[in-house]
PDB file of all heavy atoms in Angstrom:
ATOM      1  N   THR A   1      53.538 -21.514  63.858  1.00  0.00           N
ATOM      2  CA  THR A   1      54.953 -21.113  63.846  1.00  0.00           C
ATOM      3  C   THR A   1      55.531 -20.869  62.464  1.00  0.00           C
ATOM      4  O   THR A   1      56.512 -20.153  62.329  1.00  0.00           O
ATOM      5  CB  THR A   1      55.799 -22.197  64.542  1.00  0.00           C
ATOM      6  OG1 THR A   1      55.609 -23.438  63.863  1.00  0.00           O
ATOM      7  CG2 THR A   1      55.370 -22.361  65.998  1.00  0.00           C
ATOM      8  N   ILE A   2      54.948 -21.466  61.426  1.00  0.00           N
ATOM      9  CA  ILE A   2      55.514 -21.364  60.082  1.00  0.00           C
ATOM     10  C   ILE A   2      54.500 -20.684  59.165  1.00  0.00           C
ATOM     11  O   ILE A   2      53.339 -21.110  59.081  1.00  0.00           O
ATOM     12  CB  ILE A   2      55.873 -22.757  59.523  1.00  0.00           C
ATOM     13  CG1 ILE A   2      56.800 -23.483  60.482  1.00  0.00           C
ATOM     14  CG2 ILE A   2      56.503 -22.634  58.148  1.00  0.00           C
ATOM     15  CD1 ILE A   2      58.128 -22.813  60.695  1.00  0.00           C
ATOM     16  N   ASN A   3      54.934 -19.613  58.484  1.00  0.00           N
ATOM     17  CA  ASN A   3      54.025 -18.947  57.554  1.00  0.00           C
ATOM     18  C   ASN A   3      54.162 -19.558  56.165  1.00  0.00           C
ATOM     19  O   ASN A   3      55.083 -20.311  55.864  1.00  0.00           O
ATOM     20  CB  ASN A   3      54.296 -17.430  57.512  1.00  0.00           C
ATOM     21  CG  ASN A   3      55.752 -17.118  57.173  1.00  0.00           C
ATOM     22  OD1 ASN A   3      56.322 -17.700  56.254  1.00  0.00           O
ATOM     23  ND2 ASN A   3      56.351 -16.199  57.942  1.00  0.00           N
ATOM     24  N   ASN A   4      53.251 -19.195  55.301  1.00  0.00           N
ATOM     25  CA  ASN A   4      53.207 -19.785  53.969  1.00  0.00           C
ATOM     26  C   ASN A   4      54.409 -19.406  53.128  1.00  0.00           C
ATOM     27  O   ASN A   4      54.893 -20.197  52.327  1.00  0.00           O
ATOM     28  CB  ASN A   4      51.925 -19.356  53.261  1.00  0.00           C
ATOM     29  CG  ASN A   4      50.687 -19.936  53.948  1.00  0.00           C
ATOM     30  OD1 ASN A   4      50.772 -20.963  54.590  1.00  0.00           O
ATOM     31  ND2 ASN A   4      49.546 -19.251  53.818  1.00  0.00           N
ATOM     32  N   ASP A   5      54.889 -18.174  53.294  1.00  0.00           N
ATOM     33  CA  ASP A   5      56.032 -17.738  52.475  1.00  0.00           C
ATOM     34  C   ASP A   5      57.262 -18.591  52.754  1.00  0.00           C
ATOM     35  O   ASP A   5      58.000 -18.955  51.835  1.00  0.00           O
ATOM     36  CB  ASP A   5      56.336 -16.258  52.753  1.00  0.00           C
ATOM     37  CG  ASP A   5      55.194 -15.357  52.316  1.00  0.00           C
ATOM     38  OD1 ASP A   5      54.437 -15.769  51.407  1.00  0.00           O
ATOM     39  OD2 ASP A   5      55.056 -14.257  52.880  1.00  0.00           O
ATOM     40  N   ALA A   6      57.484 -18.907  54.025  1.00  0.00           N
ATOM     41  CA  ALA A   6      58.652 -19.734  54.374  1.00  0.00           C
ATOM     42  C   ALA A   6      58.518 -21.132  53.795  1.00  0.00           C
ATOM     43  O   ALA A   6      59.473 -21.708  53.278  1.00  0.00           O
ATOM     44  CB  ALA A   6      58.819 -19.801  55.891  1.00  0.00           C
ATOM     45  N   LEU A   7      57.305 -21.699  53.858  1.00  0.00           N
ATOM     46  CA  LEU A   7      57.106 -23.033  53.313  1.00  0.00           C
ATOM     47  C   LEU A   7      57.271 -23.055  51.812  1.00  0.00           C
ATOM     48  O   LEU A   7      57.856 -23.975  51.238  1.00  0.00           O
ATOM     49  CB  LEU A   7      55.717 -23.548  53.694  1.00  0.00           C
ATOM     50  CG  LEU A   7      55.563 -24.068  55.127  1.00  0.00           C
ATOM     51  CD1 LEU A   7      54.104 -24.431  55.379  1.00  0.00           C
ATOM     52  CD2 LEU A   7      56.453 -25.255  55.389  1.00  0.00           C
ATOM     53  N   ASN A   8      56.762 -22.044  51.144  1.00  0.00           N
ATOM     54  CA  ASN A   8      56.870 -22.009  49.691  1.00  0.00           C
ATOM     55  C   ASN A   8      58.313 -21.829  49.240  1.00  0.00           C
ATOM     56  O   ASN A   8      58.688 -22.259  48.152  1.00  0.00           O
ATOM     57  CB  ASN A   8      56.001 -20.877  49.129  1.00  0.00           C
ATOM     58  CG  ASN A   8      54.513 -21.152  49.341  1.00  0.00           C
ATOM     59  OD1 ASN A   8      54.097 -22.304  49.394  1.00  0.00           O
ATOM     60  ND2 ASN A   8      53.721 -20.092  49.481  1.00  0.00           N
ATOM     61  N   LEU A   9      59.134 -21.185  50.085  1.00  0.00           N
ATOM     62  CA  LEU A   9      60.524 -20.937  49.700  1.00  0.00           C
ATOM     63  C   LEU A   9      61.343 -22.226  49.721  1.00  0.00           C
ATOM     64  O   LEU A   9      61.977 -22.592  48.745  1.00  0.00           O
ATOM     65  CB  LEU A   9      61.145 -19.891  50.633  1.00  0.00           C
ATOM     66  CG  LEU A   9      62.578 -19.481  50.322  1.00  0.00           C
ATOM     67  CD1 LEU A   9      62.649 -18.828  48.939  1.00  0.00           C
ATOM     68  CD2 LEU A   9      63.117 -18.548  51.388  1.00  0.00           C
ATOM     69  N   ASN A  10      61.330 -22.940  50.833  1.00  0.00           N
ATOM     70  CA  ASN A  10      62.071 -24.203  50.953  1.00  0.00           C
ATOM     71  C   ASN A  10      61.443 -25.016  52.079  1.00  0.00           C
ATOM     72  O   ASN A  10      61.880 -24.971  53.228  1.00  0.00           O
ATOM     73  CB  ASN A  10      63.551 -23.925  51.243  1.00  0.00           C
ATOM     74  CG  ASN A  10      64.403 -25.181  51.073  1.00  0.00           C
ATOM     75  OD1 ASN A  10      63.877 -26.277  50.947  1.00  0.00           O
ATOM     76  ND2 ASN A  10      65.704 -25.016  51.069  1.00  0.00           N
ATOM     77  N   ALA A  11      60.380 -25.731  51.757  1.00  0.00           N
ATOM     78  CA  ALA A  11      59.590 -26.394  52.787  1.00  0.00           C
ATOM     79  C   ALA A  11      60.398 -27.445  53.538  1.00  0.00           C
ATOM     80  O   ALA A  11      60.351 -27.513  54.773  1.00  0.00           O
ATOM     81  CB  ALA A  11      58.357 -27.029  52.147  1.00  0.00           C
ATOM     82  N   ILE A  12      61.154 -28.274  52.823  1.00  0.00           N
ATOM     83  CA  ILE A  12      61.894 -29.345  53.465  1.00  0.00           C
ATOM     84  C   ILE A  12      62.909 -28.807  54.469  1.00  0.00           C
ATOM     85  O   ILE A  12      63.025 -29.292  55.604  1.00  0.00           O
ATOM     86  CB  ILE A  12      62.584 -30.232  52.408  1.00  0.00           C
ATOM     87  CG1 ILE A  12      61.560 -31.148  51.724  1.00  0.00           C
ATOM     88  CG2 ILE A  12      63.695 -31.079  53.024  1.00  0.00           C
ATOM     89  CD1 ILE A  12      61.002 -32.227  52.622  1.00  0.00           C
ATOM     90  N   GLU A  13      63.644 -27.787  54.084  1.00  0.00           N
ATOM     91  CA  GLU A  13      64.659 -27.229  54.977  1.00  0.00           C
ATOM     92  C   GLU A  13      64.024 -26.560  56.185  1.00  0.00           C
ATOM     93  O   GLU A  13      64.527 -26.673  57.310  1.00  0.00           O
ATOM     94  CB  GLU A  13      65.540 -26.236  54.213  1.00  0.00           C
ATOM     95  CG  GLU A  13      66.712 -25.693  55.000  1.00  0.00           C
ATOM     96  CD  GLU A  13      67.694 -26.776  55.413  1.00  0.00           C
ATOM     97  OE1 GLU A  13      67.753 -27.821  54.729  1.00  0.00           O
ATOM     98  OE2 GLU A  13      68.392 -26.576  56.425  1.00  0.00           O
ATOM     99  N   VAL A  14      62.916 -25.872  55.982  1.00  0.00           N
ATOM    100  CA  VAL A  14      62.217 -25.227  57.099  1.00  0.00           C
ATOM    101  C   VAL A  14      61.719 -26.284  58.086  1.00  0.00           C
ATOM    102  O   VAL A  14      61.845 -26.130  59.305  1.00  0.00           O
ATOM    103  CB  VAL A  14      61.047 -24.366  56.572  1.00  0.00           C
ATOM    104  CG1 VAL A  14      60.181 -23.885  57.727  1.00  0.00           C
ATOM    105  CG2 VAL A  14      61.566 -23.192  55.781  1.00  0.00           C
ATOM    106  N   ILE A  15      61.155 -27.366  57.573  1.00  0.00           N
ATOM    107  CA  ILE A  15      60.672 -28.435  58.450  1.00  0.00           C
ATOM    108  C   ILE A  15      61.826 -29.088  59.200  1.00  0.00           C
ATOM    109  O   ILE A  15      61.736 -29.368  60.403  1.00  0.00           O
ATOM    110  CB  ILE A  15      59.892 -29.474  57.620  1.00  0.00           C
ATOM    111  CG1 ILE A  15      58.595 -28.854  57.085  1.00  0.00           C
ATOM    112  CG2 ILE A  15      59.588 -30.715  58.447  1.00  0.00           C
ATOM    113  CD1 ILE A  15      57.866 -29.750  56.109  1.00  0.00           C
ATOM    114  N   ARG A  16      62.919 -29.361  58.514  1.00  0.00           N
ATOM    115  CA  ARG A  16      64.058 -30.042  59.146  1.00  0.00           C
ATOM    116  C   ARG A  16      64.667 -29.217  60.267  1.00  0.00           C
ATOM    117  O   ARG A  16      65.054 -29.757  61.314  1.00  0.00           O
ATOM    118  CB  ARG A  16      65.134 -30.347  58.100  1.00  0.00           C
ATOM    119  CG  ARG A  16      66.264 -31.230  58.595  1.00  0.00           C
ATOM    120  CD  ARG A  16      67.311 -31.433  57.528  1.00  0.00           C
ATOM    121  NE  ARG A  16      68.065 -30.224  57.290  1.00  0.00           N
ATOM    122  CZ  ARG A  16      69.159 -29.875  58.000  1.00  0.00           C
ATOM    123  NH1 ARG A  16      69.591 -30.664  58.972  1.00  0.00           N
ATOM    124  NH2 ARG A  16      69.800 -28.769  57.728  1.00  0.00           N
ATOM    125  N   THR A  17      64.767 -27.914  60.070  1.00  0.00           N
ATOM    126  CA  THR A  17      65.471 -27.065  61.037  1.00  0.00           C
ATOM    127  C   THR A  17      64.564 -26.478  62.111  1.00  0.00           C
ATOM    128  O   THR A  17      65.067 -26.035  63.153  1.00  0.00           O
ATOM    129  CB  THR A  17      66.179 -25.923  60.306  1.00  0.00           C
ATOM    130  OG1 THR A  17      65.215 -25.184  59.530  1.00  0.00           O
ATOM    131  CG2 THR A  17      67.254 -26.455  59.382  1.00  0.00           C
ATOM    132  N   ASN A  18      63.253 -26.450  61.891  1.00  0.00           N
ATOM    133  CA  ASN A  18      62.380 -25.735  62.826  1.00  0.00           C
ATOM    134  C   ASN A  18      61.301 -26.585  63.486  1.00  0.00           C
ATOM    135  O   ASN A  18      60.785 -26.185  64.532  1.00  0.00           O
ATOM    136  CB  ASN A  18      61.679 -24.572  62.108  1.00  0.00           C
ATOM    137  CG  ASN A  18      62.662 -23.507  61.663  1.00  0.00           C
ATOM    138  OD1 ASN A  18      63.088 -22.660  62.440  1.00  0.00           O
ATOM    139  ND2 ASN A  18      63.039 -23.550  60.383  1.00  0.00           N
ATOM    140  N   MET A  19      60.976 -27.728  62.931  1.00  0.00           N
ATOM    141  CA  MET A  19      59.778 -28.396  63.401  1.00  0.00           C
ATOM    142  C   MET A  19      59.986 -29.807  63.940  1.00  0.00           C
ATOM    143  O   MET A  19      59.199 -30.264  64.767  1.00  0.00           O
ATOM    144  CB  MET A  19      58.739 -28.456  62.261  1.00  0.00           C
ATOM    145  CG  MET A  19      58.428 -27.107  61.655  1.00  0.00           C
ATOM    146  SD  MET A  19      56.827 -27.090  60.882  1.00  0.00           S
ATOM    147  CE  MET A  19      55.783 -27.402  62.287  1.00  0.00           C
ATOM    148  N   LEU A  20      60.969 -30.522  63.495  1.00  0.00           N
ATOM    149  CA  LEU A  20      61.144 -31.909  63.916  1.00  0.00           C
ATOM    150  C   LEU A  20      62.042 -31.998  65.142  1.00  0.00           C
ATOM    151  O   LEU A  20      63.193 -31.549  65.115  1.00  0.00           O
ATOM    152  CB  LEU A  20      61.735 -32.738  62.778  1.00  0.00           C
ATOM    153  CG  LEU A  20      60.897 -32.838  61.508  1.00  0.00           C
ATOM    154  CD1 LEU A  20      61.621 -33.652  60.454  1.00  0.00           C
ATOM    155  CD2 LEU A  20      59.537 -33.445  61.796  1.00  0.00           C
ATOM    156  N   SER A  21      61.518 -32.569  66.205  1.00  0.00           N
ATOM    157  CA  SER A  21      62.309 -32.732  67.430  1.00  0.00           C
ATOM    158  C   SER A  21      62.825 -34.162  67.526  1.00  0.00           C
ATOM    159  O   SER A  21      62.547 -34.896  68.477  1.00  0.00           O
ATOM    160  CB  SER A  21      61.451 -32.383  68.653  1.00  0.00           C
ATOM    161  OG  SER A  21      60.255 -33.139  68.654  1.00  0.00           O
ATOM    162  N   VAL A  22      63.554 -34.570  66.483  1.00  0.00           N
ATOM    163  CA  VAL A  22      64.164 -35.898  66.413  1.00  0.00           C
ATOM    164  C   VAL A  22      65.658 -35.703  66.228  1.00  0.00           C
ATOM    165  O   VAL A  22      66.092 -34.794  65.504  1.00  0.00           O
ATOM    166  CB  VAL A  22      63.565 -36.731  65.256  1.00  0.00           C
ATOM    167  CG1 VAL A  22      64.183 -38.114  65.216  1.00  0.00           C
ATOM    168  CG2 VAL A  22      62.051 -36.842  65.414  1.00  0.00           C
ATOM    169  N   GLY A  23      66.433 -36.554  66.868  1.00  0.00           N
ATOM    170  CA  GLY A  23      67.878 -36.349  66.871  1.00  0.00           C
ATOM    171  C   GLY A  23      68.544 -36.484  65.518  1.00  0.00           C
ATOM    172  O   GLY A  23      69.410 -35.691  65.166  1.00  0.00           O
ATOM    173  N   GLU A  24      68.170 -37.474  64.728  1.00  0.00           N
ATOM    174  CA  GLU A  24      68.873 -37.768  63.478  1.00  0.00           C
ATOM    175  C   GLU A  24      67.920 -37.605  62.304  1.00  0.00           C
ATOM    176  O   GLU A  24      66.970 -38.378  62.153  1.00  0.00           O
ATOM    177  CB  GLU A  24      69.441 -39.192  63.516  1.00  0.00           C
ATOM    178  CG  GLU A  24      70.316 -39.540  62.325  1.00  0.00           C
ATOM    179  CD  GLU A  24      70.910 -40.920  62.431  1.00  0.00           C
ATOM    180  OE1 GLU A  24      70.907 -41.492  63.546  1.00  0.00           O
ATOM    181  OE2 GLU A  24      71.378 -41.445  61.394  1.00  0.00           O
ATOM    182  N   VAL A  25      68.165 -36.586  61.479  1.00  0.00           N
ATOM    183  CA  VAL A  25      67.352 -36.302  60.295  1.00  0.00           C
ATOM    184  C   VAL A  25      68.290 -35.986  59.138  1.00  0.00           C
ATOM    185  O   VAL A  25      69.223 -35.196  59.285  1.00  0.00           O
ATOM    186  CB  VAL A  25      66.388 -35.117  60.524  1.00  0.00           C
ATOM    187  CG1 VAL A  25      65.535 -34.878  59.277  1.00  0.00           C
ATOM    188  CG2 VAL A  25      65.496 -35.374  61.732  1.00  0.00           C
ATOM    189  N   SER A  26      68.060 -36.602  57.983  1.00  0.00           N
ATOM    190  CA  SER A  26      68.892 -36.351  56.812  1.00  0.00           C
ATOM    191  C   SER A  26      68.010 -36.191  55.589  1.00  0.00           C
ATOM    192  O   SER A  26      66.859 -36.637  55.568  1.00  0.00           O
ATOM    193  CB  SER A  26      69.900 -37.485  56.594  1.00  0.00           C
ATOM    194  OG  SER A  26      69.221 -38.722  56.427  1.00  0.00           O
ATOM    195  N   LYS A  27      68.571 -35.550  54.559  1.00  0.00           N
ATOM    196  CA  LYS A  27      67.855 -35.317  53.306  1.00  0.00           C
ATOM    197  C   LYS A  27      68.406 -36.220  52.210  1.00  0.00           C
ATOM    198  O   LYS A  27      69.584 -36.563  52.215  1.00  0.00           O
ATOM    199  CB  LYS A  27      67.988 -33.850  52.877  1.00  0.00           C
ATOM    200  CG  LYS A  27      67.328 -32.872  53.824  1.00  0.00           C
ATOM    201  CD  LYS A  27      67.290 -31.467  53.244  1.00  0.00           C
ATOM    202  CE  LYS A  27      68.671 -30.888  53.071  1.00  0.00           C
ATOM    203  NZ  LYS A  27      68.627 -29.488  52.599  1.00  0.00           N
ATOM    204  N   SER A  28      67.530 -36.567  51.270  1.00  0.00           N
ATOM    205  CA  SER A  28      67.949 -37.402  50.153  1.00  0.00           C
ATOM    206  C   SER A  28      67.027 -37.158  48.969  1.00  0.00           C
ATOM    207  O   SER A  28      65.843 -36.852  49.132  1.00  0.00           O
ATOM    208  CB  SER A  28      67.922 -38.884  50.545  1.00  0.00           C
ATOM    209  OG  SER A  28      68.277 -39.703  49.452  1.00  0.00           O
ATOM    210  N   THR A  29      67.606 -37.314  47.776  1.00  0.00           N
ATOM    211  CA  THR A  29      66.829 -37.207  46.539  1.00  0.00           C
ATOM    212  C   THR A  29      66.720 -38.542  45.816  1.00  0.00           C
ATOM    213  O   THR A  29      65.975 -38.654  44.851  1.00  0.00           O
ATOM    214  CB  THR A  29      67.478 -36.171  45.600  1.00  0.00           C
ATOM    215  OG1 THR A  29      68.810 -36.610  45.276  1.00  0.00           O
ATOM    216  CG2 THR A  29      67.542 -34.795  46.243  1.00  0.00           C
ATOM    217  N   SER A  30      67.456 -39.543  46.280  1.00  0.00           N
ATOM    218  CA  SER A  30      67.479 -40.851  45.625  1.00  0.00           C
ATOM    219  C   SER A  30      66.327 -41.722  46.123  1.00  0.00           C
ATOM    220  O   SER A  30      66.152 -41.911  47.343  1.00  0.00           O
ATOM    221  CB  SER A  30      68.808 -41.553  45.884  1.00  0.00           C
ATOM    222  OG  SER A  30      68.777 -42.896  45.435  1.00  0.00           O
ATOM    223  N   ILE A  31      65.559 -42.259  45.195  1.00  0.00           N
ATOM    224  CA  ILE A  31      64.449 -43.128  45.578  1.00  0.00           C
ATOM    225  C   ILE A  31      64.963 -44.419  46.211  1.00  0.00           C
ATOM    226  O   ILE A  31      64.425 -44.898  47.210  1.00  0.00           O
ATOM    227  CB  ILE A  31      63.571 -43.422  44.349  1.00  0.00           C
ATOM    228  CG1 ILE A  31      62.816 -42.153  43.933  1.00  0.00           C
ATOM    229  CG2 ILE A  31      62.582 -44.545  44.644  1.00  0.00           C
ATOM    230  CD1 ILE A  31      61.922 -42.335  42.744  1.00  0.00           C
ATOM    231  N   GLN A  32      66.023 -45.008  45.650  1.00  0.00           N
ATOM    232  CA  GLN A  32      66.566 -46.245  46.191  1.00  0.00           C
ATOM    233  C   GLN A  32      67.071 -46.049  47.617  1.00  0.00           C
ATOM    234  O   GLN A  32      66.877 -46.899  48.484  1.00  0.00           O
ATOM    235  CB  GLN A  32      67.688 -46.770  45.296  1.00  0.00           C
ATOM    236  CG  GLN A  32      68.209 -48.149  45.700  1.00  0.00           C
ATOM    237  CD  GLN A  32      67.130 -49.209  45.655  1.00  0.00           C
ATOM    238  OE1 GLN A  32      66.409 -49.336  44.678  1.00  0.00           O
ATOM    239  NE2 GLN A  32      66.998 -49.972  46.741  1.00  0.00           N
ATOM    240  N   LYS A  33      67.670 -44.896  47.886  1.00  0.00           N
ATOM    241  CA  LYS A  33      68.219 -44.638  49.220  1.00  0.00           C
ATOM    242  C   LYS A  33      67.101 -44.478  50.249  1.00  0.00           C
ATOM    243  O   LYS A  33      67.191 -45.000  51.358  1.00  0.00           O
ATOM    244  CB  LYS A  33      69.099 -43.383  49.197  1.00  0.00           C
ATOM    245  CG  LYS A  33      69.815 -43.113  50.515  1.00  0.00           C
ATOM    246  CD  LYS A  33      70.753 -41.942  50.391  1.00  0.00           C
ATOM    247  CE  LYS A  33      71.534 -41.725  51.680  1.00  0.00           C
ATOM    248  NZ  LYS A  33      70.651 -41.464  52.844  1.00  0.00           N
ATOM    249  N   ILE A  34      66.038 -43.762  49.897  1.00  0.00           N
ATOM    250  CA  ILE A  34      64.963 -43.587  50.872  1.00  0.00           C
ATOM    251  C   ILE A  34      64.202 -44.897  51.085  1.00  0.00           C
ATOM    252  O   ILE A  34      63.714 -45.158  52.186  1.00  0.00           O
ATOM    253  CB  ILE A  34      64.005 -42.452  50.439  1.00  0.00           C
ATOM    254  CG1 ILE A  34      63.257 -42.817  49.154  1.00  0.00           C
ATOM    255  CG2 ILE A  34      64.746 -41.138  50.293  1.00  0.00           C
ATOM    256  CD1 ILE A  34      62.187 -41.832  48.786  1.00  0.00           C
ATOM    257  N   ILE A  35      64.122 -45.747  50.061  1.00  0.00           N
ATOM    258  CA  ILE A  35      63.489 -47.056  50.246  1.00  0.00           C
ATOM    259  C   ILE A  35      64.312 -47.912  51.203  1.00  0.00           C
ATOM    260  O   ILE A  35      63.777 -48.566  52.111  1.00  0.00           O
ATOM    261  CB  ILE A  35      63.309 -47.770  48.891  1.00  0.00           C
ATOM    262  CG1 ILE A  35      62.267 -47.050  48.037  1.00  0.00           C
ATOM    263  CG2 ILE A  35      62.909 -49.222  49.095  1.00  0.00           C
ATOM    264  CD1 ILE A  35      60.880 -47.053  48.611  1.00  0.00           C
ATOM    265  N   ASP A  36      65.642 -47.906  51.023  1.00  0.00           N
ATOM    266  CA  ASP A  36      66.506 -48.654  51.939  1.00  0.00           C
ATOM    267  C   ASP A  36      66.382 -48.130  53.367  1.00  0.00           C
ATOM    268  O   ASP A  36      66.381 -48.907  54.327  1.00  0.00           O
ATOM    269  CB  ASP A  36      67.957 -48.575  51.464  1.00  0.00           C
ATOM    270  CG  ASP A  36      68.186 -49.328  50.153  1.00  0.00           C
ATOM    271  OD1 ASP A  36      67.332 -50.166  49.806  1.00  0.00           O
ATOM    272  OD2 ASP A  36      69.196 -49.054  49.482  1.00  0.00           O
ATOM    273  N   SER A  37      66.287 -46.811  53.511  1.00  0.00           N
ATOM    274  CA  SER A  37      66.138 -46.220  54.842  1.00  0.00           C
ATOM    275  C   SER A  37      64.818 -46.623  55.471  1.00  0.00           C
ATOM    276  O   SER A  37      64.749 -46.933  56.667  1.00  0.00           O
ATOM    277  CB  SER A  37      66.241 -44.692  54.747  1.00  0.00           C
ATOM    278  OG  SER A  37      67.492 -44.295  54.226  1.00  0.00           O
ATOM    279  N   CYS A  38      63.757 -46.635  54.678  1.00  0.00           N
ATOM    280  CA  CYS A  38      62.448 -47.037  55.201  1.00  0.00           C
ATOM    281  C   CYS A  38      62.470 -48.487  55.646  1.00  0.00           C
ATOM    282  O   CYS A  38      61.918 -48.834  56.700  1.00  0.00           O
ATOM    283  CB  CYS A  38      61.385 -46.805  54.130  1.00  0.00           C
ATOM    284  SG  CYS A  38      59.705 -47.208  54.665  1.00  0.00           S
ATOM    285  N   LEU A  39      63.109 -49.357  54.876  1.00  0.00           N
ATOM    286  CA  LEU A  39      63.193 -50.770  55.245  1.00  0.00           C
ATOM    287  C   LEU A  39      64.077 -51.005  56.467  1.00  0.00           C
ATOM    288  O   LEU A  39      64.024 -52.071  57.070  1.00  0.00           O
ATOM    289  CB  LEU A  39      63.715 -51.582  54.061  1.00  0.00           C
ATOM    290  CG  LEU A  39      62.801 -51.635  52.834  1.00  0.00           C
ATOM    291  CD1 LEU A  39      63.497 -52.343  51.681  1.00  0.00           C
ATOM    292  CD2 LEU A  39      61.491 -52.341  53.176  1.00  0.00           C
ATOM    293  N   SER A  40      64.892 -50.014  56.825  1.00  0.00           N
ATOM    294  CA  SER A  40      65.745 -50.115  58.017  1.00  0.00           C
ATOM    295  C   SER A  40      65.075 -49.540  59.248  1.00  0.00           C
ATOM    296  O   SER A  40      65.681 -49.519  60.320  1.00  0.00           O
ATOM    297  CB  SER A  40      67.076 -49.390  57.768  1.00  0.00           C
ATOM    298  OG  SER A  40      67.775 -49.996  56.700  1.00  0.00           O
ATOM    299  N   GLY A  41      63.849 -49.042  59.118  1.00  0.00           N
ATOM    300  CA  GLY A  41      63.119 -48.537  60.272  1.00  0.00           C
ATOM    301  C   GLY A  41      63.002 -47.037  60.348  1.00  0.00           C
ATOM    302  O   GLY A  41      62.452 -46.509  61.331  1.00  0.00           O
ATOM    303  N   GLU A  42      63.479 -46.306  59.348  1.00  0.00           N
ATOM    304  CA  GLU A  42      63.367 -44.850  59.362  1.00  0.00           C
ATOM    305  C   GLU A  42      62.027 -44.426  58.765  1.00  0.00           C
ATOM    306  O   GLU A  42      61.397 -45.161  58.006  1.00  0.00           O
ATOM    307  CB  GLU A  42      64.522 -44.218  58.582  1.00  0.00           C
ATOM    308  CG  GLU A  42      65.885 -44.526  59.163  1.00  0.00           C
ATOM    309  CD  GLU A  42      67.003 -43.810  58.436  1.00  0.00           C
ATOM    310  OE1 GLU A  42      66.723 -42.804  57.753  1.00  0.00           O
ATOM    311  OE2 GLU A  42      68.163 -44.257  58.549  1.00  0.00           O
TER     312      GLU A  42
END
């Protein structure tokens, strides 16, 4: 479903909008925030 050009352009956004069938998905650039999210079960 996903070609290489789309992934090379903006892989994270393409994955979030086209491939994940999960209700709640968010983006983050902070290492501390993603660690806290992982420890909360995400």
